[in-house]
Amino acid sequence: MTRAKKILTTIALILAAAAASASPALADNSMPTPAPDTTVPVAPPAGSAP
């Protein structure tokens, strides 16, 4: 392998590593969202009040 090919291969690997490490920051929605509130308020049945 010639010196020029080795240099180009090294640069390509560096660029690929940089792109892989930067890809989460470039995502459309990179911030995690909280889980939705799935609790449902429950009222006592009608006519069960003391």
N, C-alpha and C. Protein backbone atom coordinates (compact mmCIF):
# COMPACT_ATOMS: atom_id res chain seq x y z
N MET A 1 0.86 -1.17 0.00
CA MET A 1 0.00 0.00 0.00
C MET A 1 0.90 1.24 0.00
N THR A 2 0.60 2.14 -0.86
CA THR A 2 1.44 3.34 -0.94
C THR A 2 1.15 4.28 0.21
N ARG A 3 2.06 5.21 0.38
CA ARG A 3 1.92 6.17 1.48
C ARG A 3 0.64 6.99 1.33
N ALA A 4 0.31 7.39 0.11
CA ALA A 4 -0.90 8.19 -0.13
C ALA A 4 -2.16 7.40 0.24
N LYS A 5 -2.21 6.13 -0.08
CA LYS A 5 -3.38 5.30 0.27
C LYS A 5 -3.50 5.16 1.78
N LYS A 6 -2.37 5.02 2.48
CA LYS A 6 -2.41 4.91 3.93
C LYS A 6 -2.93 6.19 4.56
N ILE A 7 -2.49 7.32 4.02
CA ILE A 7 -2.95 8.61 4.54
C ILE A 7 -4.45 8.78 4.29
N LEU A 8 -4.91 8.46 3.09
CA LEU A 8 -6.33 8.58 2.78
C LEU A 8 -7.17 7.63 3.63
N THR A 9 -6.68 6.43 3.86
CA THR A 9 -7.40 5.47 4.70
C THR A 9 -7.49 5.97 6.14
N THR A 10 -6.41 6.54 6.64
CA THR A 10 -6.40 7.08 8.00
C THR A 10 -7.38 8.24 8.13
N ILE A 11 -7.37 9.13 7.14
CA ILE A 11 -8.30 10.26 7.17
C ILE A 11 -9.75 9.78 7.10
N ALA A 12 -10.02 8.78 6.27
CA ALA A 12 -11.37 8.24 6.16
C ALA A 12 -11.83 7.63 7.49
N LEU A 13 -10.94 6.92 8.17
CA LEU A 13 -11.30 6.33 9.46
C LEU A 13 -11.55 7.42 10.51
N ILE A 14 -10.75 8.46 10.50
CA ILE A 14 -10.94 9.56 11.46
C ILE A 14 -12.28 10.25 11.20
N LEU A 15 -12.60 10.50 9.94
CA LEU A 15 -13.87 11.14 9.61
C LEU A 15 -15.06 10.25 9.98
N ALA A 16 -14.93 8.96 9.77
CA ALA A 16 -16.02 8.04 10.13
C ALA A 16 -16.22 8.02 11.64
N ALA A 17 -15.13 8.01 12.40
CA ALA A 17 -15.25 8.02 13.86
C ALA A 17 -15.86 9.32 14.35
N ALA A 18 -15.48 10.44 13.74
CA ALA A 18 -16.05 11.73 14.13
C ALA A 18 -17.54 11.79 13.80
N ALA A 19 -17.92 11.27 12.65
CA ALA A 19 -19.33 11.27 12.27
C ALA A 19 -20.16 10.39 13.19
N ALA A 20 -19.60 9.26 13.57
CA ALA A 20 -20.33 8.35 14.46
C ALA A 20 -20.49 8.95 15.85
N SER A 21 -19.50 9.68 16.32
CA SER A 21 -19.61 10.27 17.65
C SER A 21 -20.51 11.50 17.65
N ALA A 22 -20.63 12.17 16.51
CA ALA A 22 -21.46 13.38 16.44
C ALA A 22 -22.90 13.08 16.07
N SER A 23 -23.20 11.89 15.58
CA SER A 23 -24.55 11.61 15.08
C SER A 23 -25.64 11.73 16.15
N PRO A 24 -25.43 11.33 17.42
CA PRO A 24 -26.51 11.54 18.39
C PRO A 24 -26.84 13.02 18.60
N ALA A 25 -25.84 13.88 18.50
CA ALA A 25 -26.09 15.31 18.69
C ALA A 25 -26.85 15.90 17.51
N LEU A 26 -26.78 15.26 16.37
CA LEU A 26 -27.46 15.76 15.18
C LEU A 26 -28.86 15.18 15.02
N ALA A 27 -29.26 14.33 15.93
CA ALA A 27 -30.58 13.71 15.83
C ALA A 27 -31.68 14.76 15.99
N ASP A 28 -32.82 14.50 15.42
CA ASP A 28 -33.93 15.46 15.46
C ASP A 28 -34.41 15.67 16.89
N ASN A 29 -34.53 14.61 17.65
CA ASN A 29 -35.03 14.70 19.02
C ASN A 29 -34.02 14.03 19.93
N SER A 30 -32.95 14.73 20.26
CA SER A 30 -31.89 14.11 21.04
C SER A 30 -32.15 14.15 22.54
N MET A 31 -33.09 14.99 22.98
CA MET A 31 -33.38 15.06 24.41
C MET A 31 -34.41 14.00 24.78
N PRO A 32 -34.16 13.25 25.83
CA PRO A 32 -35.15 12.26 26.24
C PRO A 32 -36.41 12.94 26.77
N THR A 33 -37.52 12.35 26.49
CA THR A 33 -38.78 12.91 26.98
C THR A 33 -39.26 12.08 28.17
N PRO A 34 -39.90 12.73 29.12
CA PRO A 34 -40.40 11.97 30.27
C PRO A 34 -41.53 11.03 29.86
N ALA A 35 -41.69 9.99 30.63
CA ALA A 35 -42.77 9.04 30.35
C ALA A 35 -44.11 9.73 30.55
N PRO A 36 -45.10 9.40 29.76
CA PRO A 36 -46.41 10.04 29.93
C PRO A 36 -47.06 9.61 31.24
N ASP A 37 -47.86 10.51 31.78
CA ASP A 37 -48.56 10.22 33.02
C ASP A 37 -49.71 9.27 32.72
N THR A 38 -49.57 8.02 33.13
CA THR A 38 -50.59 7.03 32.81
C THR A 38 -51.52 6.75 33.98
N THR A 39 -51.40 7.51 35.04
CA THR A 39 -52.30 7.29 36.18
C THR A 39 -53.68 7.86 35.86
N VAL A 40 -54.69 7.17 36.27
CA VAL A 40 -56.06 7.60 36.04
C VAL A 40 -56.71 7.82 37.40
N PRO A 41 -57.22 9.04 37.62
CA PRO A 41 -57.88 9.26 38.91
C PRO A 41 -59.14 8.39 39.03
N VAL A 42 -59.33 7.82 40.20
CA VAL A 42 -60.47 6.93 40.42
C VAL A 42 -61.37 7.55 41.49
N ALA A 43 -62.61 7.72 41.16
CA ALA A 43 -63.59 8.26 42.11
C ALA A 43 -64.36 7.09 42.72
N PRO A 44 -64.79 7.23 43.95
CA PRO A 44 -65.59 6.15 44.54
C PRO A 44 -66.91 6.01 43.78
N PRO A 45 -67.46 4.81 43.75
CA PRO A 45 -68.73 4.62 43.05
C PRO A 45 -69.85 5.47 43.67
N ALA A 46 -70.80 5.84 42.83
CA ALA A 46 -71.91 6.66 43.31
C ALA A 46 -72.73 5.89 44.34
N GLY A 47 -73.11 6.57 45.40
CA GLY A 47 -73.92 5.95 46.44
C GLY A 47 -73.11 5.22 47.49
N SER A 48 -71.81 5.25 47.44
CA SER A 48 -71.00 4.56 48.45
C SER A 48 -70.51 5.50 49.52
N ALA A 49 -70.90 6.78 49.43
CA ALA A 49 -70.46 7.74 50.45
C ALA A 49 -71.19 7.44 51.77
N PRO A 50 -70.50 7.67 52.88
CA PRO A 50 -71.13 7.37 54.19
C PRO A 50 -72.24 8.29 54.57
